[in-house]
């Protein structure tokens, strides 16, 4: 009997790398000339899974966000991990943007992933296990085809492929 191969699809986020990206983005913002003398703040709350950016205007917040995205890319953290939750005025005429940290696959997106796997018509089985999807099959090439196909699609969650055996 042939051996079953498998892998897991999840949206796990490496929180340490996210912290490192925030620290590096803060250093870069502190050293930029266009941010001298104005309010600039990046706050990462790991418990609440939020990232808050505060600055004097929408343009400055967007610039800080771009720096943050650049640092996340350098550290291998998916930019799909940030989902804009709200924009609001802060004290002193500042702007405050709050981003939710996405580190799980939502049910409707999990169903979409399973549907995409079924569309490929390969001899594999995809089982939803709460916050991850386990894909099993006898042919390793089929599993690698599924990974390539899912990477080519645009999902809201940052897909991570783990436990490939």
N, C-alpha and C. Protein backbone atom coordinates (compact mmCIF):
# COMPACT_ATOMS: atom_id res chain seq x y z
N UNK A 1 0.84 -1.19 0.00
CA UNK A 1 0.00 0.00 0.00
C UNK A 1 0.89 1.25 0.00
N UNK A 2 0.51 2.23 -0.80
CA UNK A 2 1.30 3.45 -0.91
C UNK A 2 1.14 4.31 0.33
N UNK A 3 2.17 5.06 0.61
CA UNK A 3 2.18 5.92 1.78
C UNK A 3 1.37 7.19 1.50
N UNK A 4 0.62 7.62 2.48
CA UNK A 4 -0.15 8.87 2.37
C UNK A 4 0.77 10.04 2.69
N UNK A 5 0.70 11.07 1.87
CA UNK A 5 1.44 12.31 2.11
C UNK A 5 0.44 13.38 2.50
N UNK A 6 0.91 14.39 3.22
CA UNK A 6 -0.02 15.43 3.68
C UNK A 6 0.70 16.74 3.93
N UNK A 7 -0.11 17.80 3.99
CA UNK A 7 0.36 19.10 4.45
C UNK A 7 -0.82 19.86 5.03
N UNK A 8 -0.52 20.87 5.83
CA UNK A 8 -1.54 21.69 6.47
C UNK A 8 -1.52 23.09 5.86
N UNK A 9 -2.71 23.65 5.69
CA UNK A 9 -2.85 25.03 5.24
C UNK A 9 -3.38 25.81 6.43
N UNK A 10 -2.64 26.85 6.83
CA UNK A 10 -3.08 27.68 7.95
C UNK A 10 -2.72 29.12 7.65
N UNK A 11 -3.00 29.99 8.61
CA UNK A 11 -2.66 31.41 8.46
C UNK A 11 -1.83 31.87 9.66
N UNK A 12 -0.97 30.99 10.16
CA UNK A 12 -0.15 31.32 11.31
C UNK A 12 0.76 32.50 11.01
N UNK A 13 0.96 33.31 12.00
CA UNK A 13 1.83 34.48 11.87
C UNK A 13 2.95 34.36 12.89
N UNK A 14 4.17 34.56 12.45
CA UNK A 14 5.31 34.54 13.36
C UNK A 14 5.34 35.87 14.10
N UNK A 15 4.84 35.87 15.34
CA UNK A 15 4.70 37.10 16.11
C UNK A 15 6.05 37.75 16.41
N UNK A 16 7.10 36.96 16.58
CA UNK A 16 8.42 37.53 16.84
C UNK A 16 8.91 38.32 15.63
N UNK A 17 8.70 37.78 14.45
CA UNK A 17 9.09 38.50 13.24
C UNK A 17 8.25 39.76 13.06
N UNK A 18 6.98 39.69 13.46
CA UNK A 18 6.13 40.88 13.38
C UNK A 18 6.64 41.96 14.33
N UNK A 19 7.03 41.56 15.55
CA UNK A 19 7.62 42.51 16.51
C UNK A 19 8.88 43.14 15.94
N UNK A 20 9.74 42.31 15.33
CA UNK A 20 10.98 42.81 14.75
C UNK A 20 10.68 43.80 13.62
N UNK A 21 9.67 43.52 12.81
CA UNK A 21 9.30 44.43 11.73
C UNK A 21 8.83 45.77 12.28
N UNK A 22 8.07 45.73 13.39
CA UNK A 22 7.60 46.98 14.01
C UNK A 22 8.77 47.79 14.54
N UNK A 23 9.72 47.13 15.21
CA UNK A 23 10.89 47.83 15.76
C UNK A 23 11.71 48.47 14.63
N UNK A 24 11.94 47.72 13.56
CA UNK A 24 12.72 48.25 12.45
C UNK A 24 11.99 49.39 11.75
N UNK A 25 10.67 49.28 11.61
CA UNK A 25 9.88 50.36 10.99
C UNK A 25 9.94 51.61 11.87
N UNK A 26 9.86 51.44 13.19
CA UNK A 26 9.93 52.58 14.11
C UNK A 26 11.29 53.28 13.99
N UNK A 27 12.37 52.51 13.89
CA UNK A 27 13.70 53.10 13.72
C UNK A 27 13.80 53.87 12.42
N UNK A 28 13.25 53.30 11.35
CA UNK A 28 13.31 53.97 10.05
C UNK A 28 12.51 55.27 10.06
N UNK A 29 11.33 55.25 10.69
CA UNK A 29 10.50 56.46 10.77
C UNK A 29 11.20 57.52 11.61
N UNK A 30 11.82 57.12 12.71
CA UNK A 30 12.53 58.07 13.58
C UNK A 30 13.68 58.77 12.85
N UNK A 31 14.30 58.08 11.90
CA UNK A 31 15.45 58.65 11.20
C UNK A 31 15.08 59.42 9.94
N UNK A 32 13.83 59.40 9.54
CA UNK A 32 13.45 60.10 8.31
C UNK A 32 13.24 61.58 8.57
N UNK A 33 13.74 62.39 7.64
CA UNK A 33 13.67 63.85 7.78
C UNK A 33 12.24 64.37 7.76
N UNK A 34 11.38 63.79 6.93
CA UNK A 34 10.01 64.30 6.81
C UNK A 34 9.15 63.99 8.03
N UNK A 35 9.67 63.22 8.98
CA UNK A 35 8.92 62.94 10.22
C UNK A 35 9.51 63.66 11.43
N UNK A 36 10.50 64.54 11.22
CA UNK A 36 11.12 65.27 12.34
C UNK A 36 10.11 66.28 12.92
N UNK A 37 9.96 66.25 14.21
CA UNK A 37 9.13 67.23 14.91
C UNK A 37 7.63 66.99 14.86
N UNK A 38 7.18 65.87 14.33
CA UNK A 38 5.74 65.58 14.32
C UNK A 38 5.47 64.30 15.09
N UNK A 39 4.22 64.10 15.45
CA UNK A 39 3.84 62.89 16.17
C UNK A 39 3.87 61.70 15.21
N UNK A 40 4.53 60.64 15.64
CA UNK A 40 4.61 59.40 14.87
C UNK A 40 4.68 58.24 15.85
N UNK A 41 3.80 57.30 15.66
CA UNK A 41 3.75 56.20 16.62
C UNK A 41 3.28 54.93 15.91
N UNK A 42 3.97 53.83 16.19
CA UNK A 42 3.56 52.50 15.74
C UNK A 42 3.43 51.65 17.00
N UNK A 43 2.24 51.15 17.25
CA UNK A 43 2.00 50.35 18.46
C UNK A 43 1.48 48.98 18.06
N UNK A 44 2.21 47.95 18.45
CA UNK A 44 1.83 46.57 18.17
C UNK A 44 1.34 45.94 19.47
N UNK A 45 0.06 45.56 19.53
CA UNK A 45 -0.52 44.92 20.69
C UNK A 45 -0.73 43.45 20.37
N UNK A 46 0.15 42.61 20.87
CA UNK A 46 0.09 41.19 20.55
C UNK A 46 -1.13 40.52 21.16
N UNK A 47 -1.53 40.94 22.35
CA UNK A 47 -2.69 40.34 23.01
C UNK A 47 -3.98 40.60 22.26
N UNK A 48 -4.18 41.85 21.86
CA UNK A 48 -5.40 42.23 21.13
C UNK A 48 -5.27 41.97 19.64
N UNK A 49 -4.08 41.60 19.19
CA UNK A 49 -3.80 41.36 17.78
C UNK A 49 -4.15 42.57 16.92
N UNK A 50 -3.58 43.72 17.32
CA UNK A 50 -3.79 44.95 16.56
C UNK A 50 -2.48 45.67 16.35
N UNK A 51 -2.44 46.47 15.29
CA UNK A 51 -1.33 47.36 15.00
C UNK A 51 -1.95 48.74 14.82
N UNK A 52 -1.48 49.72 15.62
CA UNK A 52 -2.02 51.07 15.57
C UNK A 52 -0.95 52.02 15.09
N UNK A 53 -1.31 52.85 14.10
CA UNK A 53 -0.40 53.86 13.57
C UNK A 53 -1.03 55.22 13.80
N UNK A 54 -0.29 56.13 14.45
CA UNK A 54 -0.78 57.48 14.73
C UNK A 54 0.23 58.48 14.17
N UNK A 55 -0.29 59.49 13.44
CA UNK A 55 0.55 60.55 12.94
C UNK A 55 -0.31 61.78 12.67
N UNK A 56 0.33 62.85 12.18
CA UNK A 56 -0.33 64.15 12.05
C UNK A 56 -1.32 64.23 10.89
N UNK A 57 -1.17 63.41 9.85
CA UNK A 57 -2.10 63.48 8.72
C UNK A 57 -2.25 62.10 8.09
N UNK A 58 -3.25 62.00 7.21
CA UNK A 58 -3.47 60.74 6.50
C UNK A 58 -2.25 60.37 5.65
N UNK A 59 -1.63 61.37 5.03
CA UNK A 59 -0.46 61.09 4.19
C UNK A 59 0.70 60.53 5.01
N UNK A 60 0.90 61.06 6.19
CA UNK A 60 1.98 60.57 7.06
C UNK A 60 1.68 59.15 7.54
N UNK A 61 0.42 58.87 7.86
CA UNK A 61 0.04 57.52 8.29
C UNK A 61 0.27 56.54 7.14
N UNK A 62 -0.09 56.95 5.91
CA UNK A 62 0.13 56.09 4.75
C UNK A 62 1.62 55.84 4.53
N UNK A 63 2.45 56.84 4.74
CA UNK A 63 3.90 56.68 4.60
C UNK A 63 4.43 55.70 5.64
N UNK A 64 3.96 55.82 6.87
CA UNK A 64 4.39 54.89 7.93
C UNK A 64 3.92 53.48 7.60
N UNK A 65 2.69 53.36 7.09
CA UNK A 65 2.16 52.05 6.70
C UNK A 65 3.02 51.42 5.61
N UNK A 66 3.43 52.22 4.62
CA UNK A 66 4.30 51.72 3.55
C UNK A 66 5.64 51.23 4.10
N UNK A 67 6.19 51.97 5.05
CA UNK A 67 7.45 51.55 5.70
C UNK A 67 7.22 50.23 6.44
N UNK A 68 6.09 50.12 7.13
CA UNK A 68 5.77 48.90 7.87
C UNK A 68 5.64 47.70 6.92
N UNK A 69 4.97 47.91 5.80
CA UNK A 69 4.81 46.83 4.81
C UNK A 69 6.19 46.41 4.27
N UNK A 70 7.04 47.37 4.01
CA UNK A 70 8.39 47.06 3.54
C UNK A 70 9.17 46.22 4.54
N UNK A 71 9.07 46.57 5.81
CA UNK A 71 9.77 45.80 6.84
C UNK A 71 9.18 44.40 7.00
N UNK A 72 7.86 44.29 6.86
CA UNK A 72 7.22 42.97 6.93
C UNK A 72 7.70 42.09 5.78
N UNK A 73 7.81 42.66 4.58
CA UNK A 73 8.29 41.90 3.43
C UNK A 73 9.72 41.42 3.64
N UNK A 74 10.58 42.29 4.20
CA UNK A 74 11.96 41.91 4.46
C UNK A 74 12.06 40.74 5.43
N UNK A 75 11.11 40.65 6.35
CA UNK A 75 11.14 39.61 7.38
C UNK A 75 10.31 38.39 7.03
N UNK A 76 9.69 38.39 5.85
CA UNK A 76 8.92 37.22 5.42
C UNK A 76 7.54 37.13 6.04
N UNK A 77 7.02 38.24 6.57
CA UNK A 77 5.67 38.27 7.13
C UNK A 77 4.73 38.73 6.02
N UNK A 78 3.66 37.98 5.79
CA UNK A 78 2.74 38.30 4.71
C UNK A 78 2.04 39.64 4.96
N UNK A 79 1.92 40.44 3.89
CA UNK A 79 1.23 41.72 4.04
C UNK A 79 -0.27 41.53 4.17
N UNK A 80 -0.77 40.33 3.85
CA UNK A 80 -2.19 40.04 4.07
C UNK A 80 -2.52 39.87 5.54
N UNK A 81 -1.50 39.90 6.39
CA UNK A 81 -1.71 39.76 7.83
C UNK A 81 -2.36 41.00 8.44
N UNK A 82 -2.30 42.14 7.73
CA UNK A 82 -2.90 43.37 8.24
C UNK A 82 -4.22 43.64 7.53
N UNK A 83 -5.27 43.84 8.32
CA UNK A 83 -6.59 44.15 7.78
C UNK A 83 -7.06 45.43 8.45
N UNK A 84 -7.29 46.47 7.64
CA UNK A 84 -7.65 47.78 8.20
C UNK A 84 -8.99 47.67 8.94
N UNK A 85 -8.97 47.99 10.22
CA UNK A 85 -10.17 47.89 11.03
C UNK A 85 -10.91 49.23 11.12
N UNK A 86 -10.17 50.31 11.44
CA UNK A 86 -10.84 51.61 11.53
C UNK A 86 -9.85 52.76 11.40
N UNK A 87 -10.41 53.90 10.94
CA UNK A 87 -9.67 55.15 10.86
C UNK A 87 -10.43 56.13 11.73
N UNK A 88 -9.69 56.91 12.52
CA UNK A 88 -10.37 57.87 13.37
C UNK A 88 -9.44 59.04 13.71
N UNK A 89 -10.06 60.12 14.19
CA UNK A 89 -9.28 61.25 14.65
C UNK A 89 -8.74 60.93 16.04
N UNK A 90 -7.54 61.39 16.30
CA UNK A 90 -6.92 61.20 17.60
C UNK A 90 -6.75 62.58 18.24
N UNK A 91 -6.27 62.62 19.44
CA UNK A 91 -6.09 63.89 20.13
C UNK A 91 -5.04 64.75 19.44
N UNK A 92 -5.20 66.06 19.51
CA UNK A 92 -4.23 66.99 18.95
C UNK A 92 -4.29 67.09 17.43
N UNK A 93 -5.43 66.74 16.84
CA UNK A 93 -5.57 66.83 15.39
C UNK A 93 -4.84 65.75 14.63
N UNK A 94 -4.47 64.69 15.30
CA UNK A 94 -3.77 63.58 14.65
C UNK A 94 -4.75 62.57 14.08
N UNK A 95 -4.24 61.70 13.22
CA UNK A 95 -5.02 60.62 12.64
C UNK A 95 -4.54 59.29 13.22
N UNK A 96 -5.48 58.39 13.46
CA UNK A 96 -5.17 57.10 14.06
C UNK A 96 -5.80 56.00 13.21
N UNK A 97 -4.96 55.09 12.73
CA UNK A 97 -5.43 53.94 11.95
C UNK A 97 -5.17 52.69 12.78
N UNK A 98 -6.16 51.83 12.86
CA UNK A 98 -6.02 50.57 13.59
C UNK A 98 -6.15 49.43 12.58
N UNK A 99 -5.19 48.52 12.60
CA UNK A 99 -5.20 47.35 11.72
C UNK A 99 -5.32 46.10 12.57
N UNK A 100 -6.22 45.21 12.18
CA UNK A 100 -6.36 43.92 12.85
C UNK A 100 -5.32 42.96 12.28
N UNK A 101 -4.73 42.16 13.13
CA UNK A 101 -3.76 41.15 12.71
C UNK A 101 -4.53 39.87 12.38
N UNK A 102 -4.41 39.40 11.15
CA UNK A 102 -5.10 38.19 10.71
C UNK A 102 -4.15 37.02 10.88
N UNK A 103 -4.52 36.08 11.75
CA UNK A 103 -3.68 34.89 11.92
C UNK A 103 -4.49 33.61 11.96
N UNK A 104 -5.66 33.63 11.32
CA UNK A 104 -6.46 32.42 11.19
C UNK A 104 -7.28 32.51 9.90
N UNK A 105 -7.67 31.35 9.41
CA UNK A 105 -8.48 31.29 8.20
C UNK A 105 -9.94 31.30 8.62
N UNK A 106 -10.73 32.22 8.06
CA UNK A 106 -12.16 32.29 8.38
C UNK A 106 -12.88 31.13 7.70
N UNK A 107 -14.04 30.78 8.23
CA UNK A 107 -14.79 29.64 7.74
C UNK A 107 -15.14 29.76 6.26
N UNK A 108 -15.62 30.94 5.84
CA UNK A 108 -16.00 31.09 4.43
C UNK A 108 -14.80 30.97 3.51
N UNK A 109 -13.65 31.46 3.95
CA UNK A 109 -12.44 31.33 3.14
C UNK A 109 -11.94 29.89 3.12
N UNK A 110 -12.11 29.17 4.23
CA UNK A 110 -11.73 27.76 4.27
C UNK A 110 -12.57 26.96 3.27
N UNK A 111 -13.85 27.30 3.17
CA UNK A 111 -14.71 26.62 2.20
C UNK A 111 -14.27 26.94 0.77
N UNK A 112 -13.86 28.20 0.54
CA UNK A 112 -13.38 28.58 -0.79
C UNK A 112 -12.10 27.81 -1.14
N UNK A 113 -11.22 27.62 -0.17
CA UNK A 113 -9.98 26.87 -0.40
C UNK A 113 -10.30 25.42 -0.75
N UNK A 114 -11.22 24.83 0.01
CA UNK A 114 -11.60 23.44 -0.27
C UNK A 114 -12.26 23.32 -1.64
N UNK A 115 -13.05 24.30 -2.03
CA UNK A 115 -13.69 24.29 -3.34
C UNK A 115 -12.63 24.37 -4.45
N UNK A 116 -11.63 25.24 -4.26
CA UNK A 116 -10.56 25.36 -5.25
C UNK A 116 -9.78 24.05 -5.38
N UNK A 117 -9.58 23.36 -4.26
CA UNK A 117 -8.87 22.08 -4.31
C UNK A 117 -9.70 21.06 -5.08
N UNK A 118 -11.01 21.04 -4.85
CA UNK A 118 -11.89 20.10 -5.56
C UNK A 118 -11.94 20.40 -7.05
N UNK A 119 -11.86 21.69 -7.43
CA UNK A 119 -11.88 22.07 -8.85
C UNK A 119 -10.71 21.47 -9.63
N UNK A 120 -9.60 21.24 -8.95
CA UNK A 120 -8.42 20.70 -9.62
C UNK A 120 -8.60 19.22 -10.01
N UNK A 121 -9.58 18.55 -9.40
CA UNK A 121 -9.92 17.15 -9.70
C UNK A 121 -8.71 16.22 -9.55
N UNK A 122 -7.99 16.40 -8.45
CA UNK A 122 -6.88 15.53 -8.13
C UNK A 122 -7.34 14.55 -7.05
N UNK A 123 -6.61 13.45 -6.92
CA UNK A 123 -6.98 12.44 -5.93
C UNK A 123 -6.40 12.81 -4.57
N UNK A 124 -7.01 13.82 -3.95
CA UNK A 124 -6.61 14.28 -2.63
C UNK A 124 -7.86 14.50 -1.79
N UNK A 125 -7.63 14.62 -0.49
CA UNK A 125 -8.73 14.87 0.43
C UNK A 125 -8.36 16.09 1.28
N UNK A 126 -9.26 17.07 1.35
CA UNK A 126 -9.03 18.28 2.15
C UNK A 126 -10.04 18.28 3.30
N UNK A 127 -9.54 18.33 4.52
CA UNK A 127 -10.39 18.28 5.71
C UNK A 127 -10.16 19.54 6.54
N UNK A 128 -11.23 20.23 6.87
CA UNK A 128 -11.16 21.43 7.70
C UNK A 128 -11.02 21.00 9.16
N UNK A 129 -9.95 21.46 9.81
CA UNK A 129 -9.70 21.11 11.21
C UNK A 129 -9.71 22.35 12.08
N UNK A 130 -10.75 23.16 11.96
CA UNK A 130 -10.83 24.38 12.77
C UNK A 130 -10.06 25.51 12.14
N UNK A 131 -8.86 25.79 12.66
CA UNK A 131 -8.08 26.92 12.14
C UNK A 131 -7.08 26.50 11.07
N UNK A 132 -7.14 25.25 10.60
CA UNK A 132 -6.27 24.80 9.53
C UNK A 132 -6.99 23.76 8.67
N UNK A 133 -6.46 23.56 7.48
CA UNK A 133 -7.01 22.57 6.55
C UNK A 133 -5.92 21.56 6.27
N UNK A 134 -6.22 20.28 6.47
CA UNK A 134 -5.24 19.23 6.20
C UNK A 134 -5.57 18.61 4.85
N UNK A 135 -4.57 18.57 3.98
CA UNK A 135 -4.72 18.00 2.65
C UNK A 135 -3.88 16.73 2.60
N UNK A 136 -4.51 15.60 2.24
CA UNK A 136 -3.79 14.33 2.15
C UNK A 136 -3.97 13.73 0.77
N UNK A 137 -2.96 13.02 0.32
CA UNK A 137 -3.01 12.35 -0.97
C UNK A 137 -1.83 11.42 -1.12
N UNK A 138 -1.93 10.50 -2.10
CA UNK A 138 -0.86 9.53 -2.30
C UNK A 138 0.27 10.08 -3.16
N UNK A 139 -0.03 11.07 -3.99
CA UNK A 139 0.95 11.59 -4.94
C UNK A 139 1.48 12.95 -4.45
N UNK A 140 2.77 13.04 -4.24
CA UNK A 140 3.39 14.29 -3.78
C UNK A 140 3.21 15.38 -4.82
N UNK A 141 3.28 15.03 -6.09
CA UNK A 141 3.12 16.02 -7.16
C UNK A 141 1.75 16.69 -7.11
N UNK A 142 0.72 15.93 -6.76
CA UNK A 142 -0.63 16.50 -6.62
C UNK A 142 -0.65 17.55 -5.51
N UNK A 143 -0.01 17.25 -4.40
CA UNK A 143 0.03 18.18 -3.27
C UNK A 143 0.79 19.45 -3.65
N UNK A 144 1.88 19.30 -4.38
CA UNK A 144 2.64 20.46 -4.81
C UNK A 144 1.87 21.30 -5.83
N UNK A 145 1.08 20.65 -6.66
CA UNK A 145 0.22 21.36 -7.61
C UNK A 145 -0.81 22.19 -6.86
N UNK A 146 -1.37 21.64 -5.81
CA UNK A 146 -2.36 22.36 -5.00
C UNK A 146 -1.70 23.58 -4.36
N UNK A 147 -0.50 23.43 -3.81
CA UNK A 147 0.20 24.56 -3.20
C UNK A 147 0.43 25.67 -4.21
N UNK A 148 0.92 25.31 -5.40
CA UNK A 148 1.16 26.32 -6.44
C UNK A 148 -0.13 27.03 -6.83
N UNK A 149 -1.20 26.26 -6.98
CA UNK A 149 -2.49 26.84 -7.38
C UNK A 149 -3.01 27.80 -6.32
N UNK A 150 -2.94 27.40 -5.05
CA UNK A 150 -3.45 28.26 -3.98
C UNK A 150 -2.60 29.52 -3.83
N UNK A 151 -1.29 29.42 -4.05
CA UNK A 151 -0.42 30.59 -3.97
C UNK A 151 -0.74 31.59 -5.07
N UNK A 152 -1.21 31.10 -6.22
CA UNK A 152 -1.51 31.99 -7.34
C UNK A 152 -2.82 32.74 -7.14
N UNK A 153 -3.68 32.28 -6.24
CA UNK A 153 -4.96 32.94 -5.98
C UNK A 153 -4.79 34.03 -4.93
N UNK A 154 -5.74 34.94 -4.88
CA UNK A 154 -5.67 36.07 -3.94
C UNK A 154 -6.67 35.86 -2.81
N UNK A 155 -6.19 35.36 -1.67
CA UNK A 155 -7.03 35.18 -0.49
C UNK A 155 -6.75 36.30 0.50
N UNK A 156 -7.74 36.60 1.34
CA UNK A 156 -7.56 37.64 2.36
C UNK A 156 -6.60 37.17 3.44
N UNK A 157 -6.65 35.90 3.77
CA UNK A 157 -5.77 35.36 4.81
C UNK A 157 -4.40 35.05 4.23
N UNK A 158 -3.35 35.22 5.03
CA UNK A 158 -2.01 34.86 4.57
C UNK A 158 -1.82 33.35 4.71
N UNK A 159 -1.82 32.63 3.61
CA UNK A 159 -1.74 31.17 3.66
C UNK A 159 -0.32 30.71 3.94
N UNK A 160 -0.22 29.76 4.88
CA UNK A 160 1.06 29.16 5.25
C UNK A 160 0.90 27.65 5.08
N UNK A 161 1.87 27.02 4.42
CA UNK A 161 1.84 25.58 4.20
C UNK A 161 2.84 24.93 5.16
N UNK A 162 2.33 24.08 6.06
CA UNK A 162 3.14 23.45 7.11
C UNK A 162 3.07 21.93 7.01
N UNK A 163 3.97 21.28 7.74
CA UNK A 163 3.94 19.84 7.98
C UNK A 163 3.85 19.03 6.69
N UNK A 164 4.61 19.42 5.70
CA UNK A 164 4.62 18.67 4.44
C UNK A 164 5.37 17.37 4.66
N UNK A 165 4.64 16.25 4.57
CA UNK A 165 5.26 14.93 4.78
C UNK A 165 4.83 13.99 3.67
